[in-house]
PDB file of N, CA and C in Angstrom:
ATOM      1  N   MET A   1       0.844  -1.156  -0.023  1.00  0.00           N
ATOM      2  CA  MET A   1      -0.002   0.013   0.000  1.00  0.00           C
ATOM      3  C   MET A   1       0.891   1.208   0.026  1.00  0.00           C
ATOM      4  N   ASP A   2       0.590   2.170  -0.808  1.00  0.00           N
ATOM      5  CA  ASP A   2       1.352   3.410  -0.929  1.00  0.00           C
ATOM      6  C   ASP A   2       0.684   4.502  -0.100  1.00  0.00           C
ATOM      7  N   LEU A   3       1.377   4.874   0.949  1.00  0.00           N
ATOM      8  CA  LEU A   3       0.922   5.920   1.823  1.00  0.00           C
ATOM      9  C   LEU A   3       1.470   7.263   1.397  1.00  0.00           C
ATOM     10  N   ILE A   4       0.605   8.204   1.097  1.00  0.00           N
ATOM     11  CA  ILE A   4       1.141   9.492   0.825  1.00  0.00           C
ATOM     12  C   ILE A   4       1.224  10.320   2.028  1.00  0.00           C
ATOM     13  N   ARG A   5       2.030  11.348   2.017  1.00  0.00           N
ATOM     14  CA  ARG A   5       2.322  12.140   3.207  1.00  0.00           C
ATOM     15  C   ARG A   5       1.053  12.751   3.845  1.00  0.00           C
ATOM     16  N   LYS A   6       0.151  13.199   2.956  1.00  0.00           N
ATOM     17  CA  LYS A   6      -1.066  13.834   3.476  1.00  0.00           C
ATOM     18  C   LYS A   6      -1.897  12.851   4.276  1.00  0.00           C
ATOM     19  N   ASN A   7      -1.952  11.624   3.789  1.00  0.00           N
ATOM     20  CA  ASN A   7      -2.675  10.586   4.557  1.00  0.00           C
ATOM     21  C   ASN A   7      -2.067  10.382   5.974  1.00  0.00           C
ATOM     22  N   LEU A   8      -0.700  10.286   6.022  1.00  0.00           N
ATOM     23  CA  LEU A   8      -0.069  10.151   7.340  1.00  0.00           C
ATOM     24  C   LEU A   8      -0.251  11.301   8.207  1.00  0.00           C
ATOM     25  N   ARG A   9      -0.218  12.508   7.624  1.00  0.00           N
ATOM     26  CA  ARG A   9      -0.488  13.671   8.445  1.00  0.00           C
ATOM     27  C   ARG A   9      -1.917  13.620   8.985  1.00  0.00           C
ATOM     28  N   SER A  10      -2.911  13.182   8.181  1.00  0.00           N
ATOM     29  CA  SER A  10      -4.314  13.073   8.643  1.00  0.00           C
ATOM     30  C   SER A  10      -4.411  12.123   9.850  1.00  0.00           C
ATOM     31  N   MET A  11      -3.649  11.036   9.780  1.00  0.00           N
ATOM     32  CA  MET A  11      -3.647  10.109  10.883  1.00  0.00           C
ATOM     33  C   MET A  11      -2.988  10.688  12.097  1.00  0.00           C
ATOM     34  N   ILE A  12      -1.875  11.399  11.895  1.00  0.00           N
ATOM     35  CA  ILE A  12      -1.255  12.071  13.062  1.00  0.00           C
ATOM     36  C   ILE A  12      -2.186  13.137  13.652  1.00  0.00           C
ATOM     37  N   PHE A  13      -2.859  13.905  12.796  1.00  0.00           N
ATOM     38  CA  PHE A  13      -3.816  14.846  13.291  1.00  0.00           C
ATOM     39  C   PHE A  13      -4.971  14.249  14.064  1.00  0.00           C
ATOM     40  N   TYR A  14      -5.476  13.145  13.532  1.00  0.00           N
ATOM     41  CA  TYR A  14      -6.611  12.379  14.235  1.00  0.00           C
ATOM     42  C   TYR A  14      -6.133  12.034  15.637  1.00  0.00           C
ATOM     43  N   ASP A  15      -4.966  11.437  15.735  1.00  0.00           N
ATOM     44  CA  ASP A  15      -4.443  11.031  17.038  1.00  0.00           C
ATOM     45  C   ASP A  15      -4.209  12.290  17.965  1.00  0.00           C
ATOM     46  N   PHE A  16      -3.810  13.340  17.413  1.00  0.00           N
ATOM     47  CA  PHE A  16      -3.616  14.561  18.175  1.00  0.00           C
ATOM     48  C   PHE A  16      -5.000  14.989  18.681  1.00  0.00           C
ATOM     49  N   GLU A  17      -5.955  14.994  17.832  1.00  0.00           N
ATOM     50  CA  GLU A  17      -7.267  15.405  18.267  1.00  0.00           C
ATOM     51  C   GLU A  17      -7.909  14.512  19.291  1.00  0.00           C
ATOM     52  N   CYS A  18      -7.427  13.209  19.331  1.00  0.00           N
ATOM     53  CA  CYS A  18      -7.915  12.274  20.325  1.00  0.00           C
ATOM     54  C   CYS A  18      -7.100  12.362  21.609  1.00  0.00           C
ATOM     55  N   SER A  19      -6.251  13.354  21.721  1.00  0.00           N
ATOM     56  CA  SER A  19      -5.425  13.627  22.874  1.00  0.00           C
ATOM     57  C   SER A  19      -4.395  12.515  23.139  1.00  0.00           C
ATOM     58  N   LEU A  20      -3.890  11.861  22.109  1.00  0.00           N
ATOM     59  CA  LEU A  20      -2.856  10.830  22.305  1.00  0.00           C
ATOM     60  C   LEU A  20      -1.531  11.638  22.329  1.00  0.00           C
ATOM     61  N   THR A  21      -0.523  10.967  22.895  1.00  0.00           N
ATOM     62  CA  THR A  21       0.812  11.564  22.967  1.00  0.00           C
ATOM     63  C   THR A  21       1.557  11.193  21.633  1.00  0.00           C
ATOM     64  N   VAL A  22       2.674  11.877  21.394  1.00  0.00           N
ATOM     65  CA  VAL A  22       3.445  11.529  20.212  1.00  0.00           C
ATOM     66  C   VAL A  22       3.893  10.091  20.247  1.00  0.00           C
ATOM     67  N   GLN A  23       4.322   9.660  21.448  1.00  0.00           N
ATOM     68  CA  GLN A  23       4.767   8.280  21.592  1.00  0.00           C
ATOM     69  C   GLN A  23       3.688   7.229  21.205  1.00  0.00           C
ATOM     70  N   GLN A  24       2.467   7.447  21.738  1.00  0.00           N
ATOM     71  CA  GLN A  24       1.339   6.632  21.379  1.00  0.00           C
ATOM     72  C   GLN A  24       1.044   6.644  19.916  1.00  0.00           C
ATOM     73  N   ASN A  25       1.095   7.826  19.271  1.00  0.00           N
ATOM     74  CA  ASN A  25       0.827   7.912  17.889  1.00  0.00           C
ATOM     75  C   ASN A  25       1.841   7.155  17.079  1.00  0.00           C
ATOM     76  N   LEU A  26       3.107   7.297  17.405  1.00  0.00           N
ATOM     77  CA  LEU A  26       4.134   6.568  16.698  1.00  0.00           C
ATOM     78  C   LEU A  26       3.974   5.050  16.928  1.00  0.00           C
ATOM     79  N   ALA A  27       3.652   4.627  18.110  1.00  0.00           N
ATOM     80  CA  ALA A  27       3.383   3.169  18.332  1.00  0.00           C
ATOM     81  C   ALA A  27       2.321   2.640  17.548  1.00  0.00           C
ATOM     82  N   TYR A  28       1.158   3.362  17.387  1.00  0.00           N
ATOM     83  CA  TYR A  28       0.106   2.893  16.561  1.00  0.00           C
ATOM     84  C   TYR A  28       0.456   2.858  15.102  1.00  0.00           C
ATOM     85  N   LEU A  29       1.141   3.936  14.587  1.00  0.00           N
ATOM     86  CA  LEU A  29       1.544   3.979  13.245  1.00  0.00           C
ATOM     87  C   LEU A  29       2.532   2.840  12.924  1.00  0.00           C
ATOM     88  N   ARG A  30       3.527   2.645  13.755  1.00  0.00           N
ATOM     89  CA  ARG A  30       4.506   1.559  13.556  1.00  0.00           C
ATOM     90  C   ARG A  30       3.883   0.180  13.554  1.00  0.00           C
ATOM     91  N   THR A  31       2.933   0.027  14.495  1.00  0.00           N
ATOM     92  CA  THR A  31       2.284  -1.284  14.547  1.00  0.00           C
ATOM     93  C   THR A  31       1.550  -1.561  13.267  1.00  0.00           C
ATOM     94  N   THR A  32       0.904  -0.593  12.708  1.00  0.00           N
ATOM     95  CA  THR A  32      -0.005  -0.711  11.480  1.00  0.00           C
ATOM     96  C   THR A  32       0.818  -0.688  10.267  1.00  0.00           C
ATOM     97  N   PHE A  33       1.743   0.251  10.092  1.00  0.00           N
ATOM     98  CA  PHE A  33       2.456   0.498   8.797  1.00  0.00           C
ATOM     99  C   PHE A  33       3.884   0.160   8.832  1.00  0.00           C
ATOM    100  N   ASP A  34       4.418  -0.287   9.891  1.00  0.00           N
ATOM    101  CA  ASP A  34       5.810  -0.778   9.931  1.00  0.00           C
ATOM    102  C   ASP A  34       6.803   0.365   9.576  1.00  0.00           C
ATOM    103  N   ASP A  35       7.555   0.169   8.469  1.00  0.00           N
ATOM    104  CA  ASP A  35       8.612   1.128   8.176  1.00  0.00           C
ATOM    105  C   ASP A  35       8.141   2.292   7.227  1.00  0.00           C
ATOM    106  N   LYS A  36       6.888   2.411   6.983  1.00  0.00           N
ATOM    107  CA  LYS A  36       6.414   3.445   6.064  1.00  0.00           C
ATOM    108  C   LYS A  36       6.042   4.737   6.852  1.00  0.00           C
ATOM    109  N   VAL A  37       6.219   4.688   8.174  1.00  0.00           N
ATOM    110  CA  VAL A  37       5.842   5.880   8.964  1.00  0.00           C
ATOM    111  C   VAL A  37       6.941   6.959   8.986  1.00  0.00           C
ATOM    112  N   PRO A  38       6.533   8.236   9.204  1.00  0.00           N
ATOM    113  CA  PRO A  38       7.626   9.207   9.342  1.00  0.00           C
ATOM    114  C   PRO A  38       8.462   9.031  10.572  1.00  0.00           C
ATOM    115  N   CYS A  39       9.608   9.696  10.595  1.00  0.00           N
ATOM    116  CA  CYS A  39      10.453   9.581  11.823  1.00  0.00           C
ATOM    117  C   CYS A  39       9.890  10.261  13.003  1.00  0.00           C
ATOM    118  N   LYS A  40      10.457   9.992  14.130  1.00  0.00           N
ATOM    119  CA  LYS A  40       9.965  10.612  15.356  1.00  0.00           C
ATOM    120  C   LYS A  40       9.978  12.148  15.313  1.00  0.00           C
ATOM    121  N   LYS A  41      11.043  12.723  14.757  1.00  0.00           N
ATOM    122  CA  LYS A  41      11.190  14.131  14.713  1.00  0.00           C
ATOM    123  C   LYS A  41      10.055  14.769  13.945  1.00  0.00           C
ATOM    124  N   THR A  42       9.749  14.142  12.723  1.00  0.00           N
ATOM    125  CA  THR A  42       8.642  14.626  11.954  1.00  0.00           C
ATOM    126  C   THR A  42       7.315  14.589  12.666  1.00  0.00           C
ATOM    127  N   THR A  43       7.076  13.544  13.386  1.00  0.00           N
ATOM    128  CA  THR A  43       5.828  13.452  14.091  1.00  0.00           C
ATOM    129  C   THR A  43       5.765  14.447  15.248  1.00  0.00           C
ATOM    130  N   TYR A  44       6.930  14.752  15.925  1.00  0.00           N
ATOM    131  CA  TYR A  44       6.951  15.772  16.986  1.00  0.00           C
ATOM    132  C   TYR A  44       6.667  17.132  16.352  1.00  0.00           C
ATOM    133  N   ASN A  45       7.286  17.355  15.137  1.00  0.00           N
ATOM    134  CA  ASN A  45       7.047  18.597  14.507  1.00  0.00           C
ATOM    135  C   ASN A  45       5.576  18.852  14.160  1.00  0.00           C
ATOM    136  N   TRP A  46       4.906  17.784  13.652  1.00  0.00           N
ATOM    137  CA  TRP A  46       3.481  17.931  13.310  1.00  0.00           C
ATOM    138  C   TRP A  46       2.663  18.153  14.582  1.00  0.00           C
ATOM    139  N   PHE A  47       2.947  17.497  15.651  1.00  0.00           N
ATOM    140  CA  PHE A  47       2.238  17.719  16.935  1.00  0.00           C
ATOM    141  C   PHE A  47       2.396  19.185  17.386  1.00  0.00           C
ATOM    142  N   SER A  48       3.570  19.749  17.204  1.00  0.00           N
ATOM    143  CA  SER A  48       3.863  21.118  17.585  1.00  0.00           C
ATOM    144  C   SER A  48       2.995  22.104  16.688  1.00  0.00           C
ATOM    145  N   GLU A  49       2.962  21.729  15.341  1.00  0.00           N
ATOM    146  CA  GLU A  49       2.250  22.563  14.466  1.00  0.00           C
ATOM    147  C   GLU A  49       0.766  22.554  14.844  1.00  0.00           C
ATOM    148  N   PHE A  50       0.193  21.387  15.208  1.00  0.00           N
ATOM    149  CA  PHE A  50      -1.212  21.243  15.534  1.00  0.00           C
ATOM    150  C   PHE A  50      -1.431  22.004  16.874  1.00  0.00           C
ATOM    151  N   LYS A  51      -0.514  22.010  17.851  1.00  0.00           N
ATOM    152  CA  LYS A  51      -0.756  22.691  19.081  1.00  0.00           C
ATOM    153  C   LYS A  51      -0.735  24.191  18.834  1.00  0.00           C
ATOM    154  N   ARG A  52      -0.056  24.651  17.790  1.00  0.00           N
ATOM    155  CA  ARG A  52      -0.060  26.134  17.479  1.00  0.00           C
ATOM    156  C   ARG A  52      -1.325  26.539  16.681  1.00  0.00           C
ATOM    157  N   GLY A  53      -2.140  25.539  16.366  1.00  0.00           N
ATOM    158  CA  GLY A  53      -3.437  25.824  15.690  1.00  0.00           C
ATOM    159  C   GLY A  53      -3.483  25.510  14.244  1.00  0.00           C
ATOM    160  N   ARG A  54      -2.472  24.966  13.670  1.00  0.00           N
ATOM    161  CA  ARG A  54      -2.467  24.555  12.207  1.00  0.00           C
ATOM    162  C   ARG A  54      -3.455  23.438  11.924  1.00  0.00           C
ATOM    163  N   VAL A  55      -4.301  23.636  10.963  1.00  0.00           N
ATOM    164  CA  VAL A  55      -5.180  22.546  10.571  1.00  0.00           C
ATOM    165  C   VAL A  55      -5.032  22.189   9.106  1.00  0.00           C
ATOM    166  N   ASN A  56      -4.330  23.000   8.343  1.00  0.00           N
ATOM    167  CA  ASN A  56      -4.094  22.695   6.952  1.00  0.00           C
ATOM    168  C   ASN A  56      -2.907  21.605   6.890  1.00  0.00           C
ATOM    169  N   LEU A  57      -3.246  20.427   6.276  1.00  0.00           N
ATOM    170  CA  LEU A  57      -2.358  19.283   6.261  1.00  0.00           C
ATOM    171  C   LEU A  57      -1.424  19.344   5.025  1.00  0.00           C
ATOM    172  N   GLY A  58      -1.680  20.269   4.126  1.00  0.00           N
ATOM    173  CA  GLY A  58      -0.834  20.341   2.881  1.00  0.00           C
ATOM    174  C   GLY A  58       0.414  21.210   3.141  1.00  0.00           C
ATOM    175  N   HIS A  59       1.198  21.308   2.143  1.00  0.00           N
ATOM    176  CA  HIS A  59       2.440  22.121   2.176  1.00  0.00           C
ATOM    177  C   HIS A  59       2.028  23.577   2.131  1.00  0.00           C
ATOM    178  N   GLU A  60       2.720  24.401   2.958  1.00  0.00           N
ATOM    179  CA  GLU A  60       2.368  25.797   2.928  1.00  0.00           C
ATOM    180  C   GLU A  60       3.387  26.494   1.994  1.00  0.00           C
ATOM    181  N   PHE A  61       2.977  27.598   1.317  1.00  0.00           N
ATOM    182  CA  PHE A  61       3.892  28.337   0.525  1.00  0.00           C
ATOM    183  C   PHE A  61       4.903  29.068   1.414  1.00  0.00           C
ATOM    184  N   ARG A  62       6.189  28.951   1.168  1.00  0.00           N
ATOM    185  CA  ARG A  62       7.145  29.612   1.977  1.00  0.00           C
ATOM    186  C   ARG A  62       7.574  30.836   1.215  1.00  0.00           C
ATOM    187  N   ASP A  63       7.305  31.988   1.757  1.00  0.00           N
ATOM    188  CA  ASP A  63       7.636  33.296   1.197  1.00  0.00           C
ATOM    189  C   ASP A  63       9.223  33.439   1.281  1.00  0.00           C
ATOM    190  N   GLY A  64       9.740  33.769   0.118  1.00  0.00           N
ATOM    191  CA  GLY A  64      11.215  34.038   0.191  1.00  0.00           C
ATOM    192  C   GLY A  64      12.020  32.886  -0.404  1.00  0.00           C
ATOM    193  N   SER A  65      11.391  31.816  -0.618  1.00  0.00           N
ATOM    194  CA  SER A  65      12.106  30.608  -1.161  1.00  0.00           C
ATOM    195  C   SER A  65      12.085  30.754  -2.717  1.00  0.00           C
ATOM    196  N   PRO A  66      13.237  31.042  -3.322  1.00  0.00           N
ATOM    197  CA  PRO A  66      13.150  31.175  -4.834  1.00  0.00           C
ATOM    198  C   PRO A  66      12.940  29.845  -5.469  1.00  0.00           C
ATOM    199  N   PRO A  67      12.273  29.855  -6.615  1.00  0.00           N
ATOM    200  CA  PRO A  67      12.083  28.559  -7.317  1.00  0.00           C
ATOM    201  C   PRO A  67      13.416  28.085  -7.887  1.00  0.00           C
ATOM    202  N   ILE A  68      13.552  26.862  -7.956  1.00  0.00           N
ATOM    203  CA  ILE A  68      14.832  26.300  -8.464  1.00  0.00           C
ATOM    204  C   ILE A  68      14.747  26.237  -9.953  1.00  0.00           C
ATOM    205  N   ASP A  69      15.803  26.804 -10.583  1.00  0.00           N
ATOM    206  CA  ASP A  69      15.902  26.847 -12.024  1.00  0.00           C
ATOM    207  C   ASP A  69      16.863  25.790 -12.505  1.00  0.00           C
ATOM    208  N   VAL A  70      16.458  24.637 -12.801  1.00  0.00           N
ATOM    209  CA  VAL A  70      17.289  23.554 -13.270  1.00  0.00           C
ATOM    210  C   VAL A  70      16.773  23.153 -14.656  1.00  0.00           C
ATOM    211  N   ASN A  71      17.756  23.066 -15.506  1.00  0.00           N
ATOM    212  CA  ASN A  71      17.453  22.606 -16.840  1.00  0.00           C
ATOM    213  C   ASN A  71      18.634  21.719 -17.379  1.00  0.00           C
ATOM    214  N   ASN A  72      18.335  20.987 -18.423  1.00  0.00           N
ATOM    215  CA  ASN A  72      19.352  20.067 -18.961  1.00  0.00           C
ATOM    216  C   ASN A  72      20.626  20.808 -19.377  1.00  0.00           C
ATOM    217  N   LYS A  73      20.402  21.996 -19.944  1.00  0.00           N
ATOM    218  CA  LYS A  73      21.614  22.800 -20.425  1.00  0.00           C
ATOM    219  C   LYS A  73      22.573  23.021 -19.262  1.00  0.00           C
ATOM    220  N   LYS A  74      22.075  23.473 -18.119  1.00  0.00           N
ATOM    221  CA  LYS A  74      22.887  23.733 -16.971  1.00  0.00           C
ATOM    222  C   LYS A  74      23.570  22.473 -16.388  1.00  0.00           C
ATOM    223  N   ILE A  75      22.718  21.426 -16.362  1.00  0.00           N
ATOM    224  CA  ILE A  75      23.223  20.167 -15.870  1.00  0.00           C
ATOM    225  C   ILE A  75      24.381  19.636 -16.701  1.00  0.00           C
ATOM    226  N   ASN A  76      24.218  19.660 -18.012  1.00  0.00           N
ATOM    227  CA  ASN A  76      25.296  19.195 -18.958  1.00  0.00           C
ATOM    228  C   ASN A  76      26.479  20.067 -18.866  1.00  0.00           C
ATOM    229  N   ALA A  77      26.352  21.410 -18.644  1.00  0.00           N
ATOM    230  CA  ALA A  77      27.526  22.288 -18.505  1.00  0.00           C
ATOM    231  C   ALA A  77      28.287  21.928 -17.270  1.00  0.00           C
ATOM    232  N   VAL A  78      27.602  21.721 -16.186  1.00  0.00           N
ATOM    233  CA  VAL A  78      28.336  21.347 -14.877  1.00  0.00           C
ATOM    234  C   VAL A  78      29.021  20.004 -15.117  1.00  0.00           C
ATOM    235  N   ARG A  79      28.331  19.064 -15.743  1.00  0.00           N
ATOM    236  CA  ARG A  79      28.942  17.768 -15.905  1.00  0.00           C
ATOM    237  C   ARG A  79      30.189  17.909 -16.766  1.00  0.00           C
ATOM    238  N   ARG A  80      30.233  18.681 -17.804  1.00  0.00           N
ATOM    239  CA  ARG A  80      31.427  18.833 -18.607  1.00  0.00           C
ATOM    240  C   ARG A  80      32.554  19.477 -17.812  1.00  0.00           C
ATOM    241  N   MET A  81      32.187  20.450 -16.993  1.00  0.00           N
ATOM    242  CA  MET A  81      33.198  21.078 -16.089  1.00  0.00           C
ATOM    243  C   MET A  81      33.926  20.031 -15.198  1.00  0.00           C
ATOM    244  N   ILE A  82      33.070  19.197 -14.587  1.00  0.00           N
ATOM    245  CA  ILE A  82      33.659  18.167 -13.656  1.00  0.00           C
ATOM    246  C   ILE A  82      34.461  17.164 -14.412  1.00  0.00           C
ATOM    247  N   GLU A  83      33.984  16.782 -15.617  1.00  0.00           N
ATOM    248  CA  GLU A  83      34.750  15.711 -16.396  1.00  0.00           C
ATOM    249  C   GLU A  83      36.090  16.273 -16.968  1.00  0.00           C
ATOM    250  N   THR A  84      36.157  17.541 -17.234  1.00  0.00           N
ATOM    251  CA  THR A  84      37.359  18.087 -17.807  1.00  0.00           C
ATOM    252  C   THR A  84      38.413  18.504 -16.644  1.00  0.00           C
ATOM    253  N   GLN A  85      37.862  19.016 -15.543  1.00  0.00           N
ATOM    254  CA  GLN A  85      38.709  19.377 -14.448  1.00  0.00           C
ATOM    255  C   GLN A  85      38.231  18.707 -13.155  1.00  0.00           C
ATOM    256  N   ARG A  86      38.716  17.509 -12.944  1.00  0.00           N
ATOM    257  CA  ARG A  86      38.257  16.733 -11.862  1.00  0.00           C
ATOM    258  C   ARG A  86      38.490  17.270 -10.466  1.00  0.00           C
ATOM    259  N   HIS A  87      39.441  18.205 -10.292  1.00  0.00           N
ATOM    260  CA  HIS A  87      39.751  18.778  -8.968  1.00  0.00           C
ATOM    261  C   HIS A  87      39.120  20.068  -8.740  1.00  0.00           C
ATOM    262  N   MET A  88      38.128  20.409  -9.524  1.00  0.00           N
ATOM    263  CA  MET A  88      37.305  21.626  -9.392  1.00  0.00           C
ATOM    264  C   MET A  88      36.525  21.618  -8.148  1.00  0.00           C
ATOM    265  N   ILE A  89      36.496  22.673  -7.370  1.00  0.00           N
ATOM    266  CA  ILE A  89      35.712  22.686  -6.136  1.00  0.00           C
ATOM    267  C   ILE A  89      34.369  23.321  -6.393  1.00  0.00           C
ATOM    268  N   TYR A  90      33.438  23.137  -5.442  1.00  0.00           N
ATOM    269  CA  TYR A  90      32.074  23.583  -5.547  1.00  0.00           C
ATOM    270  C   TYR A  90      32.012  25.067  -5.880  1.00  0.00           C
ATOM    271  N   HIS A  91      32.785  25.884  -5.163  1.00  0.00           N
ATOM    272  CA  HIS A  91      32.641  27.319  -5.353  1.00  0.00           C
ATOM    273  C   HIS A  91      33.151  27.705  -6.765  1.00  0.00           C
ATOM    274  N   GLU A  92      34.059  26.995  -7.341  1.00  0.00           N
ATOM    275  CA  GLU A  92      34.428  27.368  -8.693  1.00  0.00           C
ATOM    276  C   GLU A  92      33.322  26.980  -9.741  1.00  0.00           C
ATOM    277  N   ILE A  93      32.642  25.926  -9.481  1.00  0.00           N
ATOM    278  CA  ILE A  93      31.549  25.516 -10.354  1.00  0.00           C
ATOM    279  C   ILE A  93      30.421  26.513 -10.130  1.00  0.00           C
ATOM    280  N   GLN A  94      30.142  26.903  -8.961  1.00  0.00           N
ATOM    281  CA  GLN A  94      29.076  27.883  -8.649  1.00  0.00           C
ATOM    282  C   GLN A  94      29.263  29.239  -9.368  1.00  0.00           C
ATOM    283  N   THR A  95      30.525  29.736  -9.303  1.00  0.00           N
ATOM    284  CA  THR A  95      30.778  30.973  -9.827  1.00  0.00           C
ATOM    285  C   THR A  95      30.722  31.005 -11.406  1.00  0.00           C
ATOM    286  N   SER A  96      31.148  29.880 -12.035  1.00  0.00           N
ATOM    287  CA  SER A  96      31.110  29.933 -13.494  1.00  0.00           C
ATOM    288  C   SER A  96      29.766  29.370 -13.948  1.00  0.00           C
TER     289      SER A  96
END
C-alpha cells in the first residue's frame, strides 16, 4: 500500500485530536504500517504545528524561497566542467 504524506498527516492529526501523545501515535503507526511511517522528529514537528493551531495538512507556501531553475543545459554544462577538471571545487563551479 502506498501511503502518501497527506494521509499520514491526517492520521497524526486524528491522534492529536484524540489527545494521544506523540509516543502513542508513533506506536500505533508503527504497529500498523511498519517502516512506512515518518520519523519521530517529523511526528513531533506535526504535533507542535497542531498545538499552534495549524489545521491545513498540505504544504504551505514559503515566502522568500526562490524557485529552483534547473534545466538540462545547466546540468550538462556542470557535468562537462567536472569531467574536464576533476579537481574543481564547488565554489568554482558555482561562480562559473
